[in-house]
PDB file of N, CA and C in Angstrom:
ATOM      1  N   MET A   1     -48.720  40.998  70.537  1.00  0.00           N
ATOM      2  CA  MET A   1     -48.841  42.021  69.518  1.00  0.00           C
ATOM      3  C   MET A   1     -48.513  43.344  70.164  1.00  0.00           C
ATOM      4  N   LYS A   2     -47.784  44.208  69.503  1.00  0.00           N
ATOM      5  CA  LYS A   2     -47.396  45.505  70.051  1.00  0.00           C
ATOM      6  C   LYS A   2     -48.619  46.422  70.217  1.00  0.00           C
ATOM      7  N   ALA A   3     -48.602  47.203  71.283  1.00  0.00           N
ATOM      8  CA  ALA A   3     -49.655  48.166  71.490  1.00  0.00           C
ATOM      9  C   ALA A   3     -49.436  49.312  70.496  1.00  0.00           C
ATOM     10  N   ALA A   4     -50.535  49.893  70.035  1.00  0.00           N
ATOM     11  CA  ALA A   4     -50.452  50.997  69.123  1.00  0.00           C
ATOM     12  C   ALA A   4     -49.856  52.217  69.828  1.00  0.00           C
ATOM     13  N   ALA A   5     -49.040  52.954  69.143  1.00  0.00           N
ATOM     14  CA  ALA A   5     -48.444  54.140  69.687  1.00  0.00           C
ATOM     15  C   ALA A   5     -49.536  55.231  69.814  1.00  0.00           C
ATOM     16  N   THR A   6     -49.390  56.046  70.808  1.00  0.00           N
ATOM     17  CA  THR A   6     -50.387  57.105  70.949  1.00  0.00           C
ATOM     18  C   THR A   6     -50.138  58.185  69.910  1.00  0.00           C
ATOM     19  N   LEU A   7     -51.213  58.772  69.458  1.00  0.00           N
ATOM     20  CA  LEU A   7     -51.096  59.810  68.450  1.00  0.00           C
ATOM     21  C   LEU A   7     -50.749  61.158  69.103  1.00  0.00           C
ATOM     22  N   PRO A   8     -49.905  61.958  68.488  1.00  0.00           N
ATOM     23  CA  PRO A   8     -49.618  63.262  69.002  1.00  0.00           C
ATOM     24  C   PRO A   8     -50.860  64.149  68.974  1.00  0.00           C
ATOM     25  N   ARG A   9     -50.932  65.119  69.822  1.00  0.00           N
ATOM     26  CA  ARG A   9     -52.028  66.062  69.817  1.00  0.00           C
ATOM     27  C   ARG A   9     -52.014  66.920  68.596  1.00  0.00           C
ATOM     28  N   LYS A  10     -53.197  67.302  68.130  1.00  0.00           N
ATOM     29  CA  LYS A  10     -53.312  68.169  66.961  1.00  0.00           C
ATOM     30  C   LYS A  10     -52.508  69.453  67.164  1.00  0.00           C
ATOM     31  N   GLY A  11     -51.801  69.816  66.137  1.00  0.00           N
ATOM     32  CA  GLY A  11     -51.033  71.043  66.208  1.00  0.00           C
ATOM     33  C   GLY A  11     -49.616  70.842  66.735  1.00  0.00           C
ATOM     34  N   SER A  12     -49.254  69.608  67.117  1.00  0.00           N
ATOM     35  CA  SER A  12     -47.940  69.358  67.693  1.00  0.00           C
ATOM     36  C   SER A  12     -46.883  69.318  66.569  1.00  0.00           C
ATOM     37  N   GLY A  13     -47.313  69.131  65.351  1.00  0.00           N
ATOM     38  CA  GLY A  13     -46.356  69.067  64.251  1.00  0.00           C
ATOM     39  C   GLY A  13     -45.745  67.695  64.087  1.00  0.00           C
ATOM     40  N   ALA A  14     -45.909  66.791  65.051  1.00  0.00           N
ATOM     41  CA  ALA A  14     -45.302  65.464  65.008  1.00  0.00           C
ATOM     42  C   ALA A  14     -46.144  64.491  64.179  1.00  0.00           C
ATOM     43  N   ASP A  15     -47.401  64.761  63.998  1.00  0.00           N
ATOM     44  CA  ASP A  15     -48.296  63.832  63.256  1.00  0.00           C
ATOM     45  C   ASP A  15     -48.215  64.141  61.765  1.00  0.00           C
ATOM     46  N   LYS A  16     -47.513  63.282  61.026  1.00  0.00           N
ATOM     47  CA  LYS A  16     -47.330  63.493  59.591  1.00  0.00           C
ATOM     48  C   LYS A  16     -48.354  62.748  58.733  1.00  0.00           C
ATOM     49  N   THR A  17     -49.259  61.933  59.385  1.00  0.00           N
ATOM     50  CA  THR A  17     -50.243  61.188  58.659  1.00  0.00           C
ATOM     51  C   THR A  17     -51.352  62.095  58.159  1.00  0.00           C
ATOM     52  N   ARG A  18     -51.610  62.045  56.887  1.00  0.00           N
ATOM     53  CA  ARG A  18     -52.650  62.873  56.316  1.00  0.00           C
ATOM     54  C   ARG A  18     -54.020  62.256  56.585  1.00  0.00           C
ATOM     55  N   ARG A  19     -54.886  63.056  57.101  1.00  0.00           N
ATOM     56  CA  ARG A  19     -56.269  62.617  57.367  1.00  0.00           C
ATOM     57  C   ARG A  19     -57.107  63.151  56.235  1.00  0.00           C
ATOM     58  N   ASP A  20     -57.431  62.252  55.300  1.00  0.00           N
ATOM     59  CA  ASP A  20     -58.090  62.731  54.105  1.00  0.00           C
ATOM     60  C   ASP A  20     -59.479  62.173  53.857  1.00  0.00           C
ATOM     61  N   THR A  21     -60.099  61.638  54.918  1.00  0.00           N
ATOM     62  CA  THR A  21     -61.470  61.160  54.768  1.00  0.00           C
ATOM     63  C   THR A  21     -62.203  61.295  56.110  1.00  0.00           C
ATOM     64  N   THR A  22     -63.509  61.279  56.013  1.00  0.00           N
ATOM     65  CA  THR A  22     -64.341  61.437  57.187  1.00  0.00           C
ATOM     66  C   THR A  22     -65.290  60.261  57.286  1.00  0.00           C
ATOM     67  N   VAL A  23     -65.562  59.815  58.498  1.00  0.00           N
ATOM     68  CA  VAL A  23     -66.548  58.759  58.753  1.00  0.00           C
ATOM     69  C   VAL A  23     -67.511  59.326  59.792  1.00  0.00           C
ATOM     70  N   ASN A  24     -68.802  59.340  59.463  1.00  0.00           N
ATOM     71  CA  ASN A  24     -69.827  59.839  60.403  1.00  0.00           C
ATOM     72  C   ASN A  24     -70.546  58.628  60.971  1.00  0.00           C
ATOM     73  N   LEU A  25     -70.749  58.643  62.261  1.00  0.00           N
ATOM     74  CA  LEU A  25     -71.406  57.520  62.951  1.00  0.00           C
ATOM     75  C   LEU A  25     -72.548  58.010  63.788  1.00  0.00           C
ATOM     76  N   ARG A  26     -73.637  57.234  63.803  1.00  0.00           N
ATOM     77  CA  ARG A  26     -74.753  57.481  64.730  1.00  0.00           C
ATOM     78  C   ARG A  26     -74.773  56.328  65.693  1.00  0.00           C
ATOM     79  N   MET A  27     -74.907  56.636  66.957  1.00  0.00           N
ATOM     80  CA  MET A  27     -74.907  55.613  67.989  1.00  0.00           C
ATOM     81  C   MET A  27     -75.703  56.092  69.196  1.00  0.00           C
ATOM     82  N   PRO A  28     -76.140  55.170  70.041  1.00  0.00           N
ATOM     83  CA  PRO A  28     -76.862  55.578  71.236  1.00  0.00           C
ATOM     84  C   PRO A  28     -75.953  56.416  72.127  1.00  0.00           C
ATOM     85  N   MET A  29     -76.545  57.378  72.841  1.00  0.00           N
ATOM     86  CA  MET A  29     -75.773  58.245  73.696  1.00  0.00           C
ATOM     87  C   MET A  29     -74.968  57.477  74.755  1.00  0.00           C
ATOM     88  N   ARG A  30     -75.552  56.356  75.248  1.00  0.00           N
ATOM     89  CA  ARG A  30     -74.831  55.578  76.279  1.00  0.00           C
ATOM     90  C   ARG A  30     -73.563  54.944  75.709  1.00  0.00           C
ATOM     91  N   VAL A  31     -73.599  54.583  74.426  1.00  0.00           N
ATOM     92  CA  VAL A  31     -72.387  54.053  73.808  1.00  0.00           C
ATOM     93  C   VAL A  31     -71.353  55.140  73.638  1.00  0.00           C
ATOM     94  N   ARG A  32     -71.794  56.297  73.210  1.00  0.00           N
ATOM     95  CA  ARG A  32     -70.847  57.435  73.083  1.00  0.00           C
ATOM     96  C   ARG A  32     -70.226  57.769  74.411  1.00  0.00           C
ATOM     97  N   ASP A  33     -71.063  57.767  75.477  1.00  0.00           N
ATOM     98  CA  ASP A  33     -70.561  58.052  76.811  1.00  0.00           C
ATOM     99  C   ASP A  33     -69.537  57.024  77.296  1.00  0.00           C
ATOM    100  N   LEU A  34     -69.787  55.746  76.961  1.00  0.00           N
ATOM    101  CA  LEU A  34     -68.840  54.681  77.283  1.00  0.00           C
ATOM    102  C   LEU A  34     -67.534  54.904  76.546  1.00  0.00           C
ATOM    103  N   ILE A  35     -67.571  55.231  75.301  1.00  0.00           N
ATOM    104  CA  ILE A  35     -66.389  55.501  74.495  1.00  0.00           C
ATOM    105  C   ILE A  35     -65.634  56.685  75.083  1.00  0.00           C
ATOM    106  N   ASP A  36     -66.370  57.749  75.426  1.00  0.00           N
ATOM    107  CA  ASP A  36     -65.744  58.960  75.999  1.00  0.00           C
ATOM    108  C   ASP A  36     -65.038  58.612  77.300  1.00  0.00           C
ATOM    109  N   ALA A  37     -65.675  57.791  78.154  1.00  0.00           N
ATOM    110  CA  ALA A  37     -65.052  57.410  79.435  1.00  0.00           C
ATOM    111  C   ALA A  37     -63.750  56.657  79.200  1.00  0.00           C
ATOM    112  N   ALA A  38     -63.800  55.706  78.237  1.00  0.00           N
ATOM    113  CA  ALA A  38     -62.593  54.920  77.956  1.00  0.00           C
ATOM    114  C   ALA A  38     -61.497  55.792  77.352  1.00  0.00           C
ATOM    115  N   ALA A  39     -61.873  56.676  76.441  1.00  0.00           N
ATOM    116  CA  ALA A  39     -60.908  57.579  75.838  1.00  0.00           C
ATOM    117  C   ALA A  39     -60.249  58.479  76.899  1.00  0.00           C
ATOM    118  N   SER A  40     -61.069  58.979  77.760  1.00  0.00           N
ATOM    119  CA  SER A  40     -60.553  59.848  78.858  1.00  0.00           C
ATOM    120  C   SER A  40     -59.628  59.090  79.752  1.00  0.00           C
ATOM    121  N   ALA A  41     -59.933  57.845  80.055  1.00  0.00           N
ATOM    122  CA  ALA A  41     -59.080  57.041  80.916  1.00  0.00           C
ATOM    123  C   ALA A  41     -57.680  56.850  80.304  1.00  0.00           C
ATOM    124  N   LEU A  42     -57.623  56.878  78.992  1.00  0.00           N
ATOM    125  CA  LEU A  42     -56.324  56.736  78.289  1.00  0.00           C
ATOM    126  C   LEU A  42     -55.697  58.070  77.882  1.00  0.00           C
ATOM    127  N   GLY A  43     -56.382  59.172  78.231  1.00  0.00           N
ATOM    128  CA  GLY A  43     -55.861  60.489  77.874  1.00  0.00           C
ATOM    129  C   GLY A  43     -55.936  60.773  76.360  1.00  0.00           C
ATOM    130  N   LYS A  44     -56.985  60.221  75.731  1.00  0.00           N
ATOM    131  CA  LYS A  44     -57.164  60.369  74.272  1.00  0.00           C
ATOM    132  C   LYS A  44     -58.444  61.089  73.972  1.00  0.00           C
ATOM    133  N   THR A  45     -58.540  61.598  72.780  1.00  0.00           N
ATOM    134  CA  THR A  45     -59.783  62.194  72.335  1.00  0.00           C
ATOM    135  C   THR A  45     -60.690  61.074  71.846  1.00  0.00           C
ATOM    136  N   ARG A  46     -61.976  61.350  71.697  1.00  0.00           N
ATOM    137  CA  ARG A  46     -62.919  60.357  71.202  1.00  0.00           C
ATOM    138  C   ARG A  46     -62.439  59.862  69.838  1.00  0.00           C
ATOM    139  N   THR A  47     -62.049  60.749  68.958  1.00  0.00           N
ATOM    140  CA  THR A  47     -61.632  60.365  67.616  1.00  0.00           C
ATOM    141  C   THR A  47     -60.378  59.458  67.676  1.00  0.00           C
ATOM    142  N   GLU A  48     -59.397  59.850  68.480  1.00  0.00           N
ATOM    143  CA  GLU A  48     -58.191  59.013  68.593  1.00  0.00           C
ATOM    144  C   GLU A  48     -58.559  57.606  69.086  1.00  0.00           C
ATOM    145  N   PHE A  49     -59.401  57.560  70.097  1.00  0.00           N
ATOM    146  CA  PHE A  49     -59.806  56.278  70.663  1.00  0.00           C
ATOM    147  C   PHE A  49     -60.538  55.396  69.662  1.00  0.00           C
ATOM    148  N   VAL A  50     -61.499  55.985  68.972  1.00  0.00           N
ATOM    149  CA  VAL A  50     -62.315  55.221  68.003  1.00  0.00           C
ATOM    150  C   VAL A  50     -61.455  54.740  66.843  1.00  0.00           C
ATOM    151  N   VAL A  51     -60.627  55.615  66.328  1.00  0.00           N
ATOM    152  CA  VAL A  51     -59.790  55.242  65.182  1.00  0.00           C
ATOM    153  C   VAL A  51     -58.800  54.116  65.589  1.00  0.00           C
ATOM    154  N   GLU A  52     -58.138  54.307  66.723  1.00  0.00           N
ATOM    155  CA  GLU A  52     -57.172  53.281  67.157  1.00  0.00           C
ATOM    156  C   GLU A  52     -57.878  51.968  67.439  1.00  0.00           C
ATOM    157  N   SER A  53     -59.042  52.010  68.108  1.00  0.00           N
ATOM    158  CA  SER A  53     -59.772  50.792  68.448  1.00  0.00           C
ATOM    159  C   SER A  53     -60.264  50.077  67.182  1.00  0.00           C
ATOM    160  N   ALA A  54     -60.818  50.828  66.286  1.00  0.00           N
ATOM    161  CA  ALA A  54     -61.342  50.226  65.050  1.00  0.00           C
ATOM    162  C   ALA A  54     -60.187  49.643  64.196  1.00  0.00           C
ATOM    163  N   ARG A  55     -59.090  50.386  64.145  1.00  0.00           N
ATOM    164  CA  ARG A  55     -57.928  49.927  63.373  1.00  0.00           C
ATOM    165  C   ARG A  55     -57.416  48.593  63.975  1.00  0.00           C
ATOM    166  N   GLN A  56     -57.264  48.558  65.298  1.00  0.00           N
ATOM    167  CA  GLN A  56     -56.719  47.368  65.944  1.00  0.00           C
ATOM    168  C   GLN A  56     -57.661  46.173  65.736  1.00  0.00           C
ATOM    169  N   HIS A  57     -58.971  46.440  65.850  1.00  0.00           N
ATOM    170  CA  HIS A  57     -59.940  45.354  65.686  1.00  0.00           C
ATOM    171  C   HIS A  57     -59.900  44.851  64.217  1.00  0.00           C
ATOM    172  N   ALA A  58     -59.760  45.769  63.282  1.00  0.00           N
ATOM    173  CA  ALA A  58     -59.674  45.366  61.872  1.00  0.00           C
ATOM    174  C   ALA A  58     -58.468  44.472  61.634  1.00  0.00           C
ATOM    175  N   VAL A  59     -57.355  44.832  62.236  1.00  0.00           N
ATOM    176  CA  VAL A  59     -56.140  44.024  62.104  1.00  0.00           C
ATOM    177  C   VAL A  59     -56.374  42.643  62.703  1.00  0.00           C
ATOM    178  N   ASP A  60     -56.956  42.590  63.904  1.00  0.00           N
ATOM    179  CA  ASP A  60     -57.239  41.329  64.539  1.00  0.00           C
ATOM    180  C   ASP A  60     -58.158  40.434  63.727  1.00  0.00           C
ATOM    181  N   VAL A  61     -59.202  41.023  63.169  1.00  0.00           N
ATOM    182  CA  VAL A  61     -60.138  40.267  62.330  1.00  0.00           C
ATOM    183  C   VAL A  61     -59.417  39.691  61.137  1.00  0.00           C
ATOM    184  N   LEU A  62     -58.625  40.512  60.484  1.00  0.00           N
ATOM    185  CA  LEU A  62     -57.915  40.031  59.288  1.00  0.00           C
ATOM    186  C   LEU A  62     -56.878  38.955  59.645  1.00  0.00           C
ATOM    187  N   LEU A  63     -56.190  39.132  60.775  1.00  0.00           N
ATOM    188  CA  LEU A  63     -55.240  38.088  61.170  1.00  0.00           C
ATOM    189  C   LEU A  63     -55.921  36.806  61.535  1.00  0.00           C
ATOM    190  N   ASP A  64     -57.127  36.898  62.114  1.00  0.00           N
ATOM    191  CA  ASP A  64     -57.887  35.674  62.452  1.00  0.00           C
ATOM    192  C   ASP A  64     -58.328  34.912  61.223  1.00  0.00           C
ATOM    193  N   GLN A  65     -58.357  35.558  60.097  1.00  0.00           N
ATOM    194  CA  GLN A  65     -58.823  34.920  58.858  1.00  0.00           C
ATOM    195  C   GLN A  65     -57.675  34.182  58.150  1.00  0.00           C
ATOM    196  N   ARG A  66     -56.495  34.248  58.684  1.00  0.00           N
ATOM    197  CA  ARG A  66     -55.334  33.631  57.999  1.00  0.00           C
ATOM    198  C   ARG A  66     -55.391  32.120  58.098  1.00  0.00           C
ATOM    199  N   PHE A  67     -54.959  31.494  57.074  1.00  0.00           N
ATOM    200  CA  PHE A  67     -54.892  30.039  57.001  1.00  0.00           C
ATOM    201  C   PHE A  67     -53.617  29.588  57.706  1.00  0.00           C
ATOM    202  N   PHE A  68     -53.706  28.501  58.446  1.00  0.00           N
ATOM    203  CA  PHE A  68     -52.509  27.877  58.997  1.00  0.00           C
ATOM    204  C   PHE A  68     -52.551  26.392  58.689  1.00  0.00           C
ATOM    205  N   HIS A  69     -51.401  25.844  58.411  1.00  0.00           N
ATOM    206  CA  HIS A  69     -51.319  24.450  57.989  1.00  0.00           C
ATOM    207  C   HIS A  69     -50.828  23.574  59.143  1.00  0.00           C
ATOM    208  N   LEU A  70     -51.520  22.444  59.358  1.00  0.00           N
ATOM    209  CA  LEU A  70     -51.096  21.472  60.354  1.00  0.00           C
ATOM    210  C   LEU A  70     -50.969  20.119  59.715  1.00  0.00           C
ATOM    211  N   THR A  71     -50.000  19.361  60.208  1.00  0.00           N
ATOM    212  CA  THR A  71     -49.886  17.963  59.754  1.00  0.00           C
ATOM    213  C   THR A  71     -51.055  17.181  60.368  1.00  0.00           C
ATOM    214  N   GLY A  72     -51.254  15.967  59.931  1.00  0.00           N
ATOM    215  CA  GLY A  72     -52.319  15.157  60.474  1.00  0.00           C
ATOM    216  C   GLY A  72     -52.177  14.972  61.955  1.00  0.00           C
ATOM    217  N   LYS A  73     -50.973  14.742  62.463  1.00  0.00           N
ATOM    218  CA  LYS A  73     -50.731  14.550  63.876  1.00  0.00           C
ATOM    219  C   LYS A  73     -51.005  15.846  64.663  1.00  0.00           C
ATOM    220  N   GLN A  74     -50.541  16.984  64.112  1.00  0.00           N
ATOM    221  CA  GLN A  74     -50.781  18.276  64.765  1.00  0.00           C
ATOM    222  C   GLN A  74     -52.284  18.581  64.844  1.00  0.00           C
ATOM    223  N   PHE A  75     -53.010  18.284  63.743  1.00  0.00           N
ATOM    224  CA  PHE A  75     -54.428  18.545  63.707  1.00  0.00           C
ATOM    225  C   PHE A  75     -55.159  17.664  64.737  1.00  0.00           C
ATOM    226  N   ALA A  76     -54.758  16.414  64.869  1.00  0.00           N
ATOM    227  CA  ALA A  76     -55.378  15.535  65.868  1.00  0.00           C
ATOM    228  C   ALA A  76     -55.136  16.064  67.278  1.00  0.00           C
ATOM    229  N   SER A  77     -53.935  16.555  67.541  1.00  0.00           N
ATOM    230  CA  SER A  77     -53.635  17.144  68.852  1.00  0.00           C
ATOM    231  C   SER A  77     -54.467  18.387  69.089  1.00  0.00           C
ATOM    232  N   PHE A  78     -54.613  19.179  68.078  1.00  0.00           N
ATOM    233  CA  PHE A  78     -55.403  20.425  68.149  1.00  0.00           C
ATOM    234  C   PHE A  78     -56.840  20.087  68.490  1.00  0.00           C
ATOM    235  N   LEU A  79     -57.428  19.111  67.814  1.00  0.00           N
ATOM    236  CA  LEU A  79     -58.803  18.707  68.072  1.00  0.00           C
ATOM    237  C   LEU A  79     -58.953  18.144  69.463  1.00  0.00           C
ATOM    238  N   ALA A  80     -57.968  17.379  69.930  1.00  0.00           N
ATOM    239  CA  ALA A  80     -58.022  16.803  71.273  1.00  0.00           C
ATOM    240  C   ALA A  80     -58.077  17.905  72.336  1.00  0.00           C
ATOM    241  N   VAL A  81     -57.320  18.935  72.158  1.00  0.00           N
ATOM    242  CA  VAL A  81     -57.362  20.066  73.103  1.00  0.00           C
ATOM    243  C   VAL A  81     -58.723  20.755  73.056  1.00  0.00           C
ATOM    244  N   LEU A  82     -59.255  20.969  71.876  1.00  0.00           N
ATOM    245  CA  LEU A  82     -60.584  21.597  71.768  1.00  0.00           C
ATOM    246  C   LEU A  82     -61.664  20.710  72.359  1.00  0.00           C
ATOM    247  N   ASP A  83     -61.558  19.429  72.204  1.00  0.00           N
ATOM    248  CA  ASP A  83     -62.575  18.496  72.720  1.00  0.00           C
ATOM    249  C   ASP A  83     -62.462  18.276  74.211  1.00  0.00           C
ATOM    250  N   ASN A  84     -61.309  18.565  74.801  1.00  0.00           N
ATOM    251  CA  ASN A  84     -61.100  18.306  76.233  1.00  0.00           C
ATOM    252  C   ASN A  84     -60.501  19.550  76.913  1.00  0.00           C
ATOM    253  N   PRO A  85     -61.277  20.650  77.008  1.00  0.00           N
ATOM    254  CA  PRO A  85     -60.728  21.847  77.606  1.00  0.00           C
ATOM    255  C   PRO A  85     -60.519  21.638  79.115  1.00  0.00           C
ATOM    256  N   PRO A  86     -59.645  22.390  79.733  1.00  0.00           N
ATOM    257  CA  PRO A  86     -59.462  22.218  81.186  1.00  0.00           C
ATOM    258  C   PRO A  86     -60.713  22.682  81.938  1.00  0.00           C
ATOM    259  N   GLU A  87     -60.875  22.171  83.157  1.00  0.00           N
ATOM    260  CA  GLU A  87     -62.005  22.536  83.983  1.00  0.00           C
ATOM    261  C   GLU A  87     -61.882  24.001  84.379  1.00  0.00           C
ATOM    262  N   PRO A  88     -63.023  24.717  84.476  1.00  0.00           N
ATOM    263  CA  PRO A  88     -62.980  26.116  84.910  1.00  0.00           C
ATOM    264  C   PRO A  88     -62.438  26.222  86.338  1.00  0.00           C
ATOM    265  N   ASN A  89     -61.573  27.188  86.578  1.00  0.00           N
ATOM    266  CA  ASN A  89     -61.087  27.417  87.935  1.00  0.00           C
ATOM    267  C   ASN A  89     -61.915  28.502  88.616  1.00  0.00           C
ATOM    268  N   GLU A  90     -61.645  28.760  89.881  1.00  0.00           N
ATOM    269  CA  GLU A  90     -62.454  29.717  90.648  1.00  0.00           C
ATOM    270  C   GLU A  90     -62.439  31.116  90.063  1.00  0.00           C
ATOM    271  N   LYS A  91     -61.288  31.571  89.598  1.00  0.00           N
ATOM    272  CA  LYS A  91     -61.186  32.921  89.026  1.00  0.00           C
ATOM    273  C   LYS A  91     -62.081  33.056  87.780  1.00  0.00           C
ATOM    274  N   LEU A  92     -62.099  32.036  86.932  1.00  0.00           N
ATOM    275  CA  LEU A  92     -62.935  32.055  85.732  1.00  0.00           C
ATOM    276  C   LEU A  92     -64.397  32.060  86.108  1.00  0.00           C
ATOM    277  N   LYS A  93     -64.763  31.274  87.112  1.00  0.00           N
ATOM    278  CA  LYS A  93     -66.169  31.233  87.563  1.00  0.00           C
ATOM    279  C   LYS A  93     -66.612  32.604  88.069  1.00  0.00           C
ATOM    280  N   GLN A  94     -65.766  33.280  88.829  1.00  0.00           N
ATOM    281  CA  GLN A  94     -66.088  34.590  89.336  1.00  0.00           C
ATOM    282  C   GLN A  94     -66.211  35.628  88.213  1.00  0.00           C
ATOM    283  N   LEU A  95     -65.285  35.548  87.246  1.00  0.00           N
ATOM    284  CA  LEU A  95     -65.289  36.450  86.108  1.00  0.00           C
ATOM    285  C   LEU A  95     -66.618  36.259  85.312  1.00  0.00           C
ATOM    286  N   MET A  96     -67.040  35.080  85.125  1.00  0.00           N
ATOM    287  CA  MET A  96     -68.258  34.812  84.342  1.00  0.00           C
ATOM    288  C   MET A  96     -69.519  35.252  85.052  1.00  0.00           C
ATOM    289  N   LYS A  97     -69.461  35.452  86.361  1.00  0.00           N
ATOM    290  CA  LYS A  97     -70.622  35.918  87.137  1.00  0.00           C
ATOM    291  C   LYS A  97     -70.774  37.447  87.068  1.00  0.00           C
ATOM    292  N   ARG A  98     -69.689  38.148  86.764  1.00  0.00           N
ATOM    293  CA  ARG A  98     -69.691  39.594  86.710  1.00  0.00           C
ATOM    294  C   ARG A  98     -70.345  40.095  85.424  1.00  0.00           C
ATOM    295  N   LYS A  99     -71.077  41.210  85.541  1.00  0.00           N
ATOM    296  CA  LYS A  99     -71.643  41.852  84.394  1.00  0.00           C
ATOM    297  C   LYS A  99     -70.609  42.717  83.697  1.00  0.00           C
ATOM    298  N   ALA A 100     -70.568  42.646  82.381  1.00  0.00           N
ATOM    299  CA  ALA A 100     -69.582  43.459  81.650  1.00  0.00           C
ATOM    300  C   ALA A 100     -69.918  44.956  81.783  1.00  0.00           C
ATOM    301  N   PRO A 101     -68.943  45.837  81.805  1.00  0.00           N
ATOM    302  CA  PRO A 101     -69.204  47.275  81.979  1.00  0.00           C
ATOM    303  C   PRO A 101     -70.191  47.857  80.946  1.00  0.00           C
ATOM    304  N   TRP A 102     -70.191  47.327  79.745  1.00  0.00           N
ATOM    305  CA  TRP A 102     -71.064  47.857  78.706  1.00  0.00           C
ATOM    306  C   TRP A 102     -72.484  47.321  78.810  1.00  0.00           C
ATOM    307  N   GLU A 103     -72.734  46.403  79.727  1.00  0.00           N
ATOM    308  CA  GLU A 103     -74.079  45.842  79.914  1.00  0.00           C
ATOM    309  C   GLU A 103     -74.834  46.525  81.065  1.00  0.00           C
ATOM    310  N   THR A 104     -74.236  47.468  81.744  1.00  0.00           N
ATOM    311  CA  THR A 104     -74.886  48.115  82.867  1.00  0.00           C
ATOM    312  C   THR A 104     -75.860  49.191  82.426  1.00  0.00           C
TER     313      THR A 104
END
């Protein structure tokens, strides 16, 4: 999937999208600080980061809800893969031992 294009800075004249609604959010300060750190790492404002992230997640959720059709043979193969996943490798084991950044 293509990465979302970065939004031009306010006042640049390049952003022609009309912003005609407001969303107010209440959240714990630590969540806001996490969002601010991520936005800063990407050179974005909090608003740009939240809007782009929420938009992308909304697209992903909707795409995940799409129906796909499989023949009987394809479905049997699909179930076989789900029922017999590969063994975890060392990298996966190490990853699963690490605490996620938002859990600290």
